PDB file of N, CA and C in Angstrom:
ATOM      1  N   UNK A   1     142.244  78.534 137.308  1.00  0.00           N
ATOM      2  CA  UNK A   1     141.292  78.719 138.031  1.00  0.00           C
ATOM      3  C   UNK A   1     141.940  77.415 139.523  1.00  0.00           C
ATOM      4  N   UNK A   2     141.242  77.580 140.688  1.00  0.00           N
ATOM      5  CA  UNK A   2     141.920  76.511 141.278  1.00  0.00           C
ATOM      6  C   UNK A   2     140.986  76.131 141.817  1.00  0.00           C
ATOM      7  N   UNK A   3     140.326  75.025 142.226  1.00  0.00           N
ATOM      8  CA  UNK A   3     139.576  75.340 143.863  1.00  0.00           C
ATOM      9  C   UNK A   3     139.625  73.300 144.276  1.00  0.00           C
ATOM     10  N   UNK A   4     139.264  73.077 145.616  1.00  0.00           N
ATOM     11  CA  UNK A   4     140.259  72.146 145.820  1.00  0.00           C
ATOM     12  C   UNK A   4     138.536  72.111 147.065  1.00  0.00           C
ATOM     13  N   UNK A   5     138.852  70.883 147.532  1.00  0.00           N
ATOM     14  CA  UNK A   5     138.174  70.507 148.753  1.00  0.00           C
ATOM     15  C   UNK A   5     138.980  69.410 150.238  1.00  0.00           C
ATOM     16  N   UNK A   6     138.879  69.533 151.517  1.00  0.00           N
ATOM     17  CA  UNK A   6     139.827  69.143 152.047  1.00  0.00           C
ATOM     18  C   UNK A   6     138.395  68.113 152.803  1.00  0.00           C
ATOM     19  N   UNK A   7     137.949  67.327 153.743  1.00  0.00           N
ATOM     20  CA  UNK A   7     137.561  67.128 155.451  1.00  0.00           C
ATOM     21  C   UNK A   7     138.458  66.126 155.740  1.00  0.00           C
ATOM     22  N   UNK A   8     138.472  66.212 156.504  1.00  0.00           N
ATOM     23  CA  UNK A   8     139.967  65.365 157.888  1.00  0.00           C
ATOM     24  C   UNK A   8     139.107  64.532 158.734  1.00  0.00           C
ATOM     25  N   UNK A   9     140.229  64.175 158.938  1.00  0.00           N
ATOM     26  CA  UNK A   9     140.065  62.284 159.705  1.00  0.00           C
ATOM     27  C   UNK A   9     137.958  62.952 160.197  1.00  0.00           C
ATOM     28  N   UNK A  10     137.864  61.612 159.796  1.00  0.00           N
ATOM     29  CA  UNK A  10     135.804  60.669 160.595  1.00  0.00           C
ATOM     30  C   UNK A  10     136.151  59.586 159.759  1.00  0.00           C
ATOM     31  N   UNK A  11     135.981  59.271 160.948  1.00  0.00           N
ATOM     32  CA  UNK A  11     136.210  57.699 160.526  1.00  0.00           C
ATOM     33  C   UNK A  11     137.896  56.691 160.470  1.00  0.00           C
ATOM     34  N   UNK A  12     138.768  58.710 160.911  1.00  0.00           N
ATOM     35  CA  UNK A  12     139.768  58.329 160.083  1.00  0.00           C
ATOM     36  C   UNK A  12     140.216  58.095 158.837  1.00  0.00           C
ATOM     37  N   UNK A  13     139.199  58.765 158.417  1.00  0.00           N
ATOM     38  CA  UNK A  13     140.061  58.575 156.396  1.00  0.00           C
ATOM     39  C   UNK A  13     140.288  60.316 156.568  1.00  0.00           C
ATOM     40  N   UNK A  14     141.085  61.248 155.361  1.00  0.00           N
ATOM     41  CA  UNK A  14     140.867  62.002 155.169  1.00  0.00           C
ATOM     42  C   UNK A  14     141.225  62.149 153.939  1.00  0.00           C
ATOM     43  N   UNK A  15     140.031  62.649 153.574  1.00  0.00           N
ATOM     44  CA  UNK A  15     139.831  63.335 151.527  1.00  0.00           C
ATOM     45  C   UNK A  15     140.277  64.440 151.811  1.00  0.00           C
ATOM     46  N   UNK A  16     141.301  64.670 149.885  1.00  0.00           N
ATOM     47  CA  UNK A  16     141.221  65.771 149.493  1.00  0.00           C
ATOM     48  C   UNK A  16     141.473  66.117 147.621  1.00  0.00           C
ATOM     49  N   UNK A  17     141.049  66.837 146.758  1.00  0.00           N
ATOM     50  CA  UNK A  17     141.294  66.286 146.016  1.00  0.00           C
ATOM     51  C   UNK A  17     141.465  68.138 145.658  1.00  0.00           C
ATOM     52  N   UNK A  18     141.897  68.736 144.202  1.00  0.00           N
ATOM     53  CA  UNK A  18     142.027  70.251 143.844  1.00  0.00           C
ATOM     54  C   UNK A  18     141.234  69.656 141.735  1.00  0.00           C
ATOM     55  N   UNK A  19     140.781  70.327 141.507  1.00  0.00           N
ATOM     56  CA  UNK A  19     141.543  70.924 140.310  1.00  0.00           C
ATOM     57  C   UNK A  19     141.607  72.201 139.569  1.00  0.00           C
ATOM     58  N   UNK A  20     141.314  72.349 138.711  1.00  0.00           N
ATOM     59  CA  UNK A  20     142.757  73.067 138.283  1.00  0.00           C
ATOM     60  C   UNK A  20     142.144  73.371 137.104  1.00  0.00           C
ATOM     61  N   UNK A  21     141.709  74.858 136.831  1.00  0.00           N
ATOM     62  CA  UNK A  21     141.914  74.646 134.409  1.00  0.00           C
ATOM     63  C   UNK A  21     142.727  76.160 134.546  1.00  0.00           C
ATOM     64  N   UNK A  22     143.371  76.278 133.960  1.00  0.00           N
ATOM     65  CA  UNK A  22     144.653  76.197 133.238  1.00  0.00           C
ATOM     66  C   UNK A  22     145.143  77.530 132.072  1.00  0.00           C
ATOM     67  N   UNK A  23     145.644  78.424 131.332  1.00  0.00           N
ATOM     68  CA  UNK A  23     145.892  79.175 129.606  1.00  0.00           C
ATOM     69  C   UNK A  23     146.627  79.761 129.730  1.00  0.00           C
ATOM     70  N   UNK A  24     147.524  79.613 129.203  1.00  0.00           N
ATOM     71  CA  UNK A  24     149.205  80.866 128.995  1.00  0.00           C
ATOM     72  C   UNK A  24     149.134  80.628 128.006  1.00  0.00           C
ATOM     73  N   UNK A  25     149.381  81.795 127.360  1.00  0.00           N
ATOM     74  CA  UNK A  25     149.793  82.139 126.519  1.00  0.00           C
ATOM     75  C   UNK A  25     151.078  82.686 125.851  1.00  0.00           C
ATOM     76  N   UNK A  26     151.668  82.299 124.893  1.00  0.00           N
ATOM     77  CA  UNK A  26     153.074  82.876 124.681  1.00  0.00           C
ATOM     78  C   UNK A  26     153.556  83.206 123.190  1.00  0.00           C
ATOM     79  N   UNK A  27     154.386  84.427 122.666  1.00  0.00           N
ATOM     80  CA  UNK A  27     154.102  84.766 121.650  1.00  0.00           C
ATOM     81  C   UNK A  27     155.809  84.466 121.469  1.00  0.00           C
ATOM     82  N   UNK A  28     156.379  83.633 121.163  1.00  0.00           N
ATOM     83  CA  UNK A  28     157.839  83.180 121.362  1.00  0.00           C
ATOM     84  C   UNK A  28     157.050  81.980 120.674  1.00  0.00           C
ATOM     85  N   UNK A  29     156.867  81.570 120.074  1.00  0.00           N
ATOM     86  CA  UNK A  29     156.605  80.092 118.988  1.00  0.00           C
ATOM     87  C   UNK A  29     156.150  79.478 120.369  1.00  0.00           C
ATOM     88  N   UNK A  30     157.339  77.951 120.215  1.00  0.00           N
ATOM     89  CA  UNK A  30     156.868  76.617 121.065  1.00  0.00           C
ATOM     90  C   UNK A  30     157.669  76.993 122.399  1.00  0.00           C
ATOM     91  N   UNK A  31     157.688  77.345 123.612  1.00  0.00           N
ATOM     92  CA  UNK A  31     158.012  79.041 124.484  1.00  0.00           C
ATOM     93  C   UNK A  31     158.848  77.512 125.379  1.00  0.00           C
ATOM     94  N   UNK A  32     158.868  76.424 125.302  1.00  0.00           N
ATOM     95  CA  UNK A  32     159.855  74.827 125.976  1.00  0.00           C
ATOM     96  C   UNK A  32     160.682  74.705 125.347  1.00  0.00           C
ATOM     97  N   UNK A  33     161.210  75.268 124.345  1.00  0.00           N
ATOM     98  CA  UNK A  33     161.668  74.841 123.234  1.00  0.00           C
ATOM     99  C   UNK A  33     162.472  75.834 122.584  1.00  0.00           C
ATOM    100  N   UNK A  34     162.541  76.954 122.182  1.00  0.00           N
ATOM    101  CA  UNK A  34     163.697  77.703 122.708  1.00  0.00           C
ATOM    102  C   UNK A  34     163.440  79.195 123.417  1.00  0.00           C
ATOM    103  N   UNK A  35     162.824  78.734 124.515  1.00  0.00           N
ATOM    104  CA  UNK A  35     163.663  79.437 125.771  1.00  0.00           C
ATOM    105  C   UNK A  35     163.262  81.431 125.451  1.00  0.00           C
ATOM    106  N   UNK A  36     162.437  81.593 125.184  1.00  0.00           N
ATOM    107  CA  UNK A  36     161.763  83.248 124.837  1.00  0.00           C
ATOM    108  C   UNK A  36     162.361  83.588 123.656  1.00  0.00           C
ATOM    109  N   UNK A  37     162.802  83.146 122.840  1.00  0.00           N
ATOM    110  CA  UNK A  37     163.481  83.041 121.806  1.00  0.00           C
ATOM    111  C   UNK A  37     162.523  82.864 119.887  1.00  0.00           C
ATOM    112  N   UNK A  38     162.572  85.037 119.730  1.00  0.00           N
ATOM    113  CA  UNK A  38     160.954  84.002 118.667  1.00  0.00           C
ATOM    114  C   UNK A  38     161.787  83.292 117.639  1.00  0.00           C
ATOM    115  N   UNK A  39     160.772  82.782 117.279  1.00  0.00           N
ATOM    116  CA  UNK A  39     161.293  81.502 115.551  1.00  0.00           C
ATOM    117  C   UNK A  39     161.624  82.708 114.504  1.00  0.00           C
ATOM    118  N   UNK A  40     162.190  81.512 113.941  1.00  0.00           N
ATOM    119  CA  UNK A  40     162.256  82.435 112.709  1.00  0.00           C
ATOM    120  C   UNK A  40     161.304  82.704 112.343  1.00  0.00           C
ATOM    121  N   UNK A  41     160.303  82.390 112.163  1.00  0.00           N
ATOM    122  CA  UNK A  41     159.080  82.826 111.253  1.00  0.00           C
ATOM    123  C   UNK A  41     157.966  84.134 111.493  1.00  0.00           C
ATOM    124  N   UNK A  42     158.405  84.128 112.687  1.00  0.00           N
ATOM    125  CA  UNK A  42     157.931  85.219 113.542  1.00  0.00           C
ATOM    126  C   UNK A  42     157.749  86.536 112.885  1.00  0.00           C
ATOM    127  N   UNK A  43     156.273  87.026 112.507  1.00  0.00           N
ATOM    128  CA  UNK A  43     155.787  88.198 111.881  1.00  0.00           C
ATOM    129  C   UNK A  43     156.223  89.061 113.162  1.00  0.00           C
ATOM    130  N   UNK A  44     156.723  90.764 113.421  1.00  0.00           N
ATOM    131  CA  UNK A  44     157.112  91.325 113.915  1.00  0.00           C
ATOM    132  C   UNK A  44     156.290  92.095 113.835  1.00  0.00           C
ATOM    133  N   UNK A  45     155.747  92.193 112.161  1.00  0.00           N
ATOM    134  CA  UNK A  45     154.716  92.997 112.575  1.00  0.00           C
ATOM    135  C   UNK A  45     153.221  92.950 112.735  1.00  0.00           C
ATOM    136  N   UNK A  46     152.471  91.405 112.962  1.00  0.00           N
ATOM    137  CA  UNK A  46     151.365  91.518 113.567  1.00  0.00           C
ATOM    138  C   UNK A  46     152.495  91.021 114.862  1.00  0.00           C
ATOM    139  N   UNK A  47     152.289  90.876 115.697  1.00  0.00           N
ATOM    140  CA  UNK A  47     152.083  90.329 117.169  1.00  0.00           C
ATOM    141  C   UNK A  47     151.180  88.736 117.293  1.00  0.00           C
ATOM    142  N   UNK A  48     150.154  89.694 118.394  1.00  0.00           N
ATOM    143  CA  UNK A  48     148.888  88.823 118.418  1.00  0.00           C
ATOM    144  C   UNK A  48     148.515  87.849 117.253  1.00  0.00           C
ATOM    145  N   UNK A  49     148.567  87.794 115.960  1.00  0.00           N
ATOM    146  CA  UNK A  49     149.154  86.789 115.716  1.00  0.00           C
ATOM    147  C   UNK A  49     149.616  85.008 116.238  1.00  0.00           C
ATOM    148  N   UNK A  50     150.519  85.757 116.709  1.00  0.00           N
ATOM    149  CA  UNK A  50     151.713  83.923 116.818  1.00  0.00           C
ATOM    150  C   UNK A  50     150.972  83.998 118.219  1.00  0.00           C
ATOM    151  N   UNK A  51     150.233  84.175 119.412  1.00  0.00           N
ATOM    152  CA  UNK A  51     149.687  83.811 120.197  1.00  0.00           C
ATOM    153  C   UNK A  51     149.157  82.865 120.420  1.00  0.00           C
ATOM    154  N   UNK A  52     149.705  81.455 121.163  1.00  0.00           N
ATOM    155  CA  UNK A  52     149.400  80.325 120.704  1.00  0.00           C
ATOM    156  C   UNK A  52     150.042  79.530 122.475  1.00  0.00           C
ATOM    157  N   UNK A  53     149.001  78.418 122.732  1.00  0.00           N
ATOM    158  CA  UNK A  53     148.783  77.925 124.052  1.00  0.00           C
ATOM    159  C   UNK A  53     150.251  76.962 124.110  1.00  0.00           C
ATOM    160  N   UNK A  54     151.052  77.483 125.700  1.00  0.00           N
ATOM    161  CA  UNK A  54     152.164  77.337 125.889  1.00  0.00           C
ATOM    162  C   UNK A  54     151.952  75.806 125.611  1.00  0.00           C
ATOM    163  N   UNK A  55     152.959  75.376 125.567  1.00  0.00           N
ATOM    164  CA  UNK A  55     152.712  73.642 125.639  1.00  0.00           C
ATOM    165  C   UNK A  55     153.034  72.933 126.702  1.00  0.00           C
ATOM    166  N   UNK A  56     153.734  73.474 127.657  1.00  0.00           N
ATOM    167  CA  UNK A  56     153.949  72.164 128.668  1.00  0.00           C
ATOM    168  C   UNK A  56     152.356  73.079 129.991  1.00  0.00           C
ATOM    169  N   UNK A  57     152.507  73.455 129.377  1.00  0.00           N
ATOM    170  CA  UNK A  57     150.987  74.109 130.595  1.00  0.00           C
ATOM    171  C   UNK A  57     149.703  73.102 130.348  1.00  0.00           C
ATOM    172  N   UNK A  58     149.681  72.371 130.812  1.00  0.00           N
ATOM    173  CA  UNK A  58     147.747  71.806 130.394  1.00  0.00           C
ATOM    174  C   UNK A  58     147.482  71.458 131.533  1.00  0.00           C
ATOM    175  N   UNK A  59     146.186  72.218 129.720  1.00  0.00           N
ATOM    176  CA  UNK A  59     145.037  72.934 130.512  1.00  0.00           C
ATOM    177  C   UNK A  59     143.492  72.372 131.519  1.00  0.00           C
ATOM    178  N   UNK A  60     143.518  71.632 132.096  1.00  0.00           N
ATOM    179  CA  UNK A  60     143.292  70.625 133.056  1.00  0.00           C
ATOM    180  C   UNK A  60     143.739  69.892 134.136  1.00  0.00           C
ATOM    181  N   UNK A  61     143.719  70.138 135.400  1.00  0.00           N
ATOM    182  CA  UNK A  61     144.124  68.684 136.401  1.00  0.00           C
ATOM    183  C   UNK A  61     143.985  68.538 137.312  1.00  0.00           C
ATOM    184  N   UNK A  62     143.534  67.849 137.938  1.00  0.00           N
ATOM    185  CA  UNK A  62     142.817  66.826 138.472  1.00  0.00           C
ATOM    186  C   UNK A  62     143.765  66.264 140.057  1.00  0.00           C
ATOM    187  N   UNK A  63     143.945  67.054 140.754  1.00  0.00           N
ATOM    188  CA  UNK A  63     144.413  65.115 142.226  1.00  0.00           C
ATOM    189  C   UNK A  63     143.317  65.216 143.499  1.00  0.00           C
ATOM    190  N   UNK A  64     142.983  64.057 143.708  1.00  0.00           N
ATOM    191  CA  UNK A  64     143.013  63.592 144.822  1.00  0.00           C
ATOM    192  C   UNK A  64     144.382  62.881 145.329  1.00  0.00           C
ATOM    193  N   UNK A  65     143.463  62.969 147.041  1.00  0.00           N
ATOM    194  CA  UNK A  65     144.109  61.837 147.567  1.00  0.00           C
ATOM    195  C   UNK A  65     143.577  61.875 148.827  1.00  0.00           C
ATOM    196  N   UNK A  66     143.851  60.366 149.472  1.00  0.00           N
ATOM    197  CA  UNK A  66     142.803  59.490 150.541  1.00  0.00           C
ATOM    198  C   UNK A  66     144.038  59.414 151.313  1.00  0.00           C
ATOM    199  N   UNK A  67     143.483  59.131 152.550  1.00  0.00           N
ATOM    200  CA  UNK A  67     144.249  58.829 153.789  1.00  0.00           C
ATOM    201  C   UNK A  67     143.250  58.203 154.635  1.00  0.00           C
ATOM    202  N   UNK A  68     144.252  57.213 154.875  1.00  0.00           N
ATOM    203  CA  UNK A  68     143.400  56.164 155.383  1.00  0.00           C
ATOM    204  C   UNK A  68     143.500  55.255 157.077  1.00  0.00           C
ATOM    205  N   UNK A  69     143.552  55.568 157.969  1.00  0.00           N
ATOM    206  CA  UNK A  69     144.193  55.150 159.175  1.00  0.00           C
ATOM    207  C   UNK A  69     143.311  54.049 159.277  1.00  0.00           C
ATOM    208  N   UNK A  70     144.421  53.028 159.576  1.00  0.00           N
ATOM    209  CA  UNK A  70     144.208  51.923 160.083  1.00  0.00           C
ATOM    210  C   UNK A  70     143.602  50.990 161.185  1.00  0.00           C
ATOM    211  N   UNK A  71     142.027  51.225 161.876  1.00  0.00           N
ATOM    212  CA  UNK A  71     141.479  50.692 162.496  1.00  0.00           C
ATOM    213  C   UNK A  71     142.659  48.993 163.344  1.00  0.00           C
ATOM    214  N   UNK A  72     143.228  48.840 164.100  1.00  0.00           N
ATOM    215  CA  UNK A  72     144.216  48.858 164.922  1.00  0.00           C
ATOM    216  C   UNK A  72     145.163  49.225 166.107  1.00  0.00           C
ATOM    217  N   UNK A  73     145.492  48.690 167.136  1.00  0.00           N
ATOM    218  CA  UNK A  73     145.996  48.954 167.945  1.00  0.00           C
ATOM    219  C   UNK A  73     145.237  50.050 169.408  1.00  0.00           C
ATOM    220  N   UNK A  74     146.092  50.623 169.971  1.00  0.00           N
ATOM    221  CA  UNK A  74     145.436  50.659 171.620  1.00  0.00           C
ATOM    222  C   UNK A  74     144.047  52.319 171.246  1.00  0.00           C
ATOM    223  N   UNK A  75     142.235  51.589 171.169  1.00  0.00           N
ATOM    224  CA  UNK A  75     141.775  52.780 171.408  1.00  0.00           C
ATOM    225  C   UNK A  75     141.693  52.129 169.819  1.00  0.00           C
ATOM    226  N   UNK A  76     141.535  51.830 168.638  1.00  0.00           N
ATOM    227  CA  UNK A  76     141.030  51.332 168.218  1.00  0.00           C
ATOM    228  C   UNK A  76     140.500  49.999 168.647  1.00  0.00           C
ATOM    229  N   UNK A  77     139.242  49.987 166.859  1.00  0.00           N
ATOM    230  CA  UNK A  77     138.640  48.845 167.173  1.00  0.00           C
ATOM    231  C   UNK A  77     139.310  47.434 167.422  1.00  0.00           C
ATOM    232  N   UNK A  78     139.730  47.192 167.239  1.00  0.00           N
ATOM    233  CA  UNK A  78     140.692  46.162 166.520  1.00  0.00           C
ATOM    234  C   UNK A  78     141.896  46.400 167.090  1.00  0.00           C
ATOM    235  N   UNK A  79     142.505  45.155 169.064  1.00  0.00           N
ATOM    236  CA  UNK A  79     143.455  45.867 169.699  1.00  0.00           C
ATOM    237  C   UNK A  79     143.675  46.973 169.944  1.00  0.00           C
ATOM    238  N   UNK A  80     142.611  46.560 170.735  1.00  0.00           N
ATOM    239  CA  UNK A  80     142.134  47.668 171.614  1.00  0.00           C
ATOM    240  C   UNK A  80     142.937  47.527 173.562  1.00  0.00           C
ATOM    241  N   UNK A  81     142.784  45.842 172.975  1.00  0.00           N
ATOM    242  CA  UNK A  81     143.574  45.186 174.276  1.00  0.00           C
ATOM    243  C   UNK A  81     145.048  44.875 174.874  1.00  0.00           C
ATOM    244  N   UNK A  82     145.288  45.073 173.884  1.00  0.00           N
ATOM    245  CA  UNK A  82     146.773  44.989 173.624  1.00  0.00           C
ATOM    246  C   UNK A  82     147.499  45.039 174.177  1.00  0.00           C
ATOM    247  N   UNK A  83     148.608  44.669 174.471  1.00  0.00           N
ATOM    248  CA  UNK A  83     150.290  44.997 175.321  1.00  0.00           C
ATOM    249  C   UNK A  83     150.227  46.095 175.003  1.00  0.00           C
ATOM    250  N   UNK A  84     151.174  47.097 175.434  1.00  0.00           N
ATOM    251  CA  UNK A  84     152.175  47.897 174.828  1.00  0.00           C
ATOM    252  C   UNK A  84     153.189  48.446 173.714  1.00  0.00           C
ATOM    253  N   UNK A  85     153.868  46.700 174.099  1.00  0.00           N
ATOM    254  CA  UNK A  85     154.981  46.609 172.525  1.00  0.00           C
ATOM    255  C   UNK A  85     154.136  46.472 171.932  1.00  0.00           C
ATOM    256  N   UNK A  86     152.499  45.241 172.521  1.00  0.00           N
ATOM    257  CA  UNK A  86     151.708  44.689 170.302  1.00  0.00           C
ATOM    258  C   UNK A  86     151.161  45.636 170.250  1.00  0.00           C
ATOM    259  N   UNK A  87     150.595  46.413 170.970  1.00  0.00           N
ATOM    260  CA  UNK A  87     149.598  47.892 170.407  1.00  0.00           C
ATOM    261  C   UNK A  87     150.917  49.174 169.796  1.00  0.00           C
ATOM    262  N   UNK A  88     152.303  49.333 170.630  1.00  0.00           N
ATOM    263  CA  UNK A  88     152.650  49.981 169.278  1.00  0.00           C
ATOM    264  C   UNK A  88     153.719  49.694 167.186  1.00  0.00           C
ATOM    265  N   UNK A  89     153.485  47.778 168.111  1.00  0.00           N
ATOM    266  CA  UNK A  89     153.733  47.648 166.779  1.00  0.00           C
ATOM    267  C   UNK A  89     152.539  47.561 165.463  1.00  0.00           C
ATOM    268  N   UNK A  90     151.350  47.130 166.276  1.00  0.00           N
ATOM    269  CA  UNK A  90     150.694  47.240 165.567  1.00  0.00           C
ATOM    270  C   UNK A  90     149.569  48.229 164.923  1.00  0.00           C
ATOM    271  N   UNK A  91     149.854  49.474 166.079  1.00  0.00           N
ATOM    272  CA  UNK A  91     148.825  50.892 165.569  1.00  0.00           C
ATOM    273  C   UNK A  91     149.530  51.805 164.738  1.00  0.00           C
ATOM    274  N   UNK A  92     149.055  51.864 164.744  1.00  0.00           N
ATOM    275  CA  UNK A  92     149.898  54.041 164.041  1.00  0.00           C
ATOM    276  C   UNK A  92     149.432  53.856 162.798  1.00  0.00           C
ATOM    277  N   UNK A  93     149.255  53.218 162.312  1.00  0.00           N
ATOM    278  CA  UNK A  93     149.733  52.654 160.942  1.00  0.00           C
ATOM    279  C   UNK A  93     148.017  53.250 159.430  1.00  0.00           C
ATOM    280  N   UNK A  94     148.797  53.312 158.591  1.00  0.00           N
ATOM    281  CA  UNK A  94     148.002  54.338 157.788  1.00  0.00           C
ATOM    282  C   UNK A  94     148.141  54.372 156.179  1.00  0.00           C
ATOM    283  N   UNK A  95     146.777  53.936 155.244  1.00  0.00           N
ATOM    284  CA  UNK A  95     147.623  53.836 154.147  1.00  0.00           C
ATOM    285  C   UNK A  95     146.538  54.721 153.513  1.00  0.00           C
ATOM    286  N   UNK A  96     147.220  55.108 152.137  1.00  0.00           N
ATOM    287  CA  UNK A  96     147.179  56.222 151.421  1.00  0.00           C
ATOM    288  C   UNK A  96     147.579  55.835 149.667  1.00  0.00           C
ATOM    289  N   UNK A  97     146.046  56.594 149.295  1.00  0.00           N
ATOM    290  CA  UNK A  97     146.607  56.229 147.368  1.00  0.00           C
ATOM    291  C   UNK A  97     146.881  57.605 147.142  1.00  0.00           C
ATOM    292  N   UNK A  98     146.394  58.183 146.021  1.00  0.00           N
ATOM    293  CA  UNK A  98     147.481  59.074 144.854  1.00  0.00           C
ATOM    294  C   UNK A  98     146.294  59.099 143.788  1.00  0.00           C
ATOM    295  N   UNK A  99     145.606  60.042 143.026  1.00  0.00           N
ATOM    296  CA  UNK A  99     144.990  59.899 141.806  1.00  0.00           C
ATOM    297  C   UNK A  99     145.544  60.649 140.626  1.00  0.00           C
ATOM    298  N   UNK A 100     145.822  61.123 139.861  1.00  0.00           N
ATOM    299  CA  UNK A 100     146.457  63.260 138.995  1.00  0.00           C
ATOM    300  C   UNK A 100     145.913  61.792 137.550  1.00  0.00           C
ATOM    301  N   UNK A 101     144.971  63.198 137.722  1.00  0.00           N
ATOM    302  CA  UNK A 101     144.702  62.701 135.756  1.00  0.00           C
ATOM    303  C   UNK A 101     145.299  64.346 135.011  1.00  0.00           C
ATOM    304  N   UNK A 102     145.105  64.068 134.265  1.00  0.00           N
ATOM    305  CA  UNK A 102     145.519  65.748 133.402  1.00  0.00           C
ATOM    306  C   UNK A 102     145.233  65.167 131.934  1.00  0.00           C
ATOM    307  N   UNK A 103     145.277  66.101 131.321  1.00  0.00           N
ATOM    308  CA  UNK A 103     144.572  66.462 129.735  1.00  0.00           C
ATOM    309  C   UNK A 103     146.375  66.663 128.774  1.00  0.00           C
ATOM    310  N   UNK A 104     146.324  66.431 127.929  1.00  0.00           N
ATOM    311  CA  UNK A 104     147.779  66.453 127.417  1.00  0.00           C
ATOM    312  C   UNK A 104     148.315  67.705 127.011  1.00  0.00           C
ATOM    313  N   UNK A 105     149.527  68.000 125.915  1.00  0.00           N
ATOM    314  CA  UNK A 105     150.045  68.891 126.677  1.00  0.00           C
ATOM    315  C   UNK A 105     149.935  69.381 124.827  1.00  0.00           C
ATOM    316  N   UNK A 106     150.072  70.637 124.925  1.00  0.00           N
ATOM    317  CA  UNK A 106     149.610  70.632 123.380  1.00  0.00           C
ATOM    318  C   UNK A 106     150.367  70.776 121.959  1.00  0.00           C
ATOM    319  N   UNK A 107     150.134  70.822 121.598  1.00  0.00           N
ATOM    320  CA  UNK A 107     151.540  69.916 120.490  1.00  0.00           C
ATOM    321  C   UNK A 107     151.603  70.604 119.142  1.00  0.00           C
ATOM    322  N   UNK A 108     152.619  71.599 118.282  1.00  0.00           N
ATOM    323  CA  UNK A 108     152.496  72.555 117.503  1.00  0.00           C
ATOM    324  C   UNK A 108     153.622  72.187 115.882  1.00  0.00           C
ATOM    325  N   UNK A 109     152.686  70.603 115.329  1.00  0.00           N
ATOM    326  CA  UNK A 109     153.903  70.689 114.762  1.00  0.00           C
ATOM    327  C   UNK A 109     154.579  72.161 113.626  1.00  0.00           C
ATOM    328  N   UNK A 110     156.056  71.367 113.331  1.00  0.00           N
ATOM    329  CA  UNK A 110     157.381  72.550 113.287  1.00  0.00           C
ATOM    330  C   UNK A 110     157.790  71.093 112.026  1.00  0.00           C
ATOM    331  N   UNK A 111     158.412  71.909 110.846  1.00  0.00           N
ATOM    332  CA  UNK A 111     159.064  72.036 109.788  1.00  0.00           C
ATOM    333  C   UNK A 111     159.927  72.269 109.600  1.00  0.00           C
ATOM    334  N   UNK A 112     161.764  71.724 109.737  1.00  0.00           N
ATOM    335  CA  UNK A 112     162.822  72.075 109.861  1.00  0.00           C
ATOM    336  C   UNK A 112     163.323  71.657 108.430  1.00  0.00           C
ATOM    337  N   UNK A 113     162.759  71.584 106.987  1.00  0.00           N
ATOM    338  CA  UNK A 113     163.506  71.068 106.085  1.00  0.00           C
ATOM    339  C   UNK A 113     164.097  72.165 106.159  1.00  0.00           C
ATOM    340  N   UNK A 114     164.063  72.649 104.149  1.00  0.00           N
ATOM    341  CA  UNK A 114     164.407  73.502 103.937  1.00  0.00           C
ATOM    342  C   UNK A 114     162.967  74.435 103.123  1.00  0.00           C
ATOM    343  N   UNK A 115     163.908  75.597 103.453  1.00  0.00           N
ATOM    344  CA  UNK A 115     161.940  76.508 102.502  1.00  0.00           C
ATOM    345  C   UNK A 115     161.738  76.626 101.469  1.00  0.00           C
ATOM    346  N   UNK A 116     161.525  75.860 100.950  1.00  0.00           N
ATOM    347  CA  UNK A 116     160.672  75.645  99.442  1.00  0.00           C
ATOM    348  C   UNK A 116     159.698  77.004  98.789  1.00  0.00           C
ATOM    349  N   UNK A 117     159.203  77.108  99.588  1.00  0.00           N
ATOM    350  CA  UNK A 117     158.242  78.364  99.487  1.00  0.00           C
ATOM    351  C   UNK A 117     159.239  80.645  99.050  1.00  0.00           C
ATOM    352  N   UNK A 118     160.730  79.992  99.987  1.00  0.00           N
ATOM    353  CA  UNK A 118     161.034  81.601 100.126  1.00  0.00           C
ATOM    354  C   UNK A 118     160.057  82.156 101.103  1.00  0.00           C
ATOM    355  N   UNK A 119     159.441  81.578 102.079  1.00  0.00           N
ATOM    356  CA  UNK A 119     158.766  82.023 103.041  1.00  0.00           C
ATOM    357  C   UNK A 119     159.199  82.644 104.479  1.00  0.00           C
ATOM    358  N   UNK A 120     160.868  81.737 104.620  1.00  0.00           N
ATOM    359  CA  UNK A 120     161.032  82.403 105.853  1.00  0.00           C
ATOM    360  C   UNK A 120     162.046  83.646 105.977  1.00  0.00           C
ATOM    361  N   UNK A 121     162.110  84.867 106.635  1.00  0.00           N
ATOM    362  CA  UNK A 121     162.437  85.689 107.253  1.00  0.00           C
ATOM    363  C   UNK A 121     163.910  86.128 108.199  1.00  0.00           C
TER     364      UNK A 121
END
């Protein structure tokens, strides 16, 4: 699911925000480490038991940005009567900021030692 909102220049401000809710399942172990290869403990007879969240896909993500056009230069609140050269120097500047927040990645514990229970296939 993807939701976004955008507000274009009102008094020199543009604002945009986006929220994403995602779910990505796979059945090949830790998808970003094995590159599509099943793990050695993969149960081919019960594939539905192997479904798990993909470790590289964050569940939630929020991104927001804002752009503010500074009120300096010709036709603006400050420096409206500045000469042509000075108007070009002080006019047309913008300040912007970006915020990104997301949930952490999924973690699947992996044991890579000896198979003391003899359950590996």
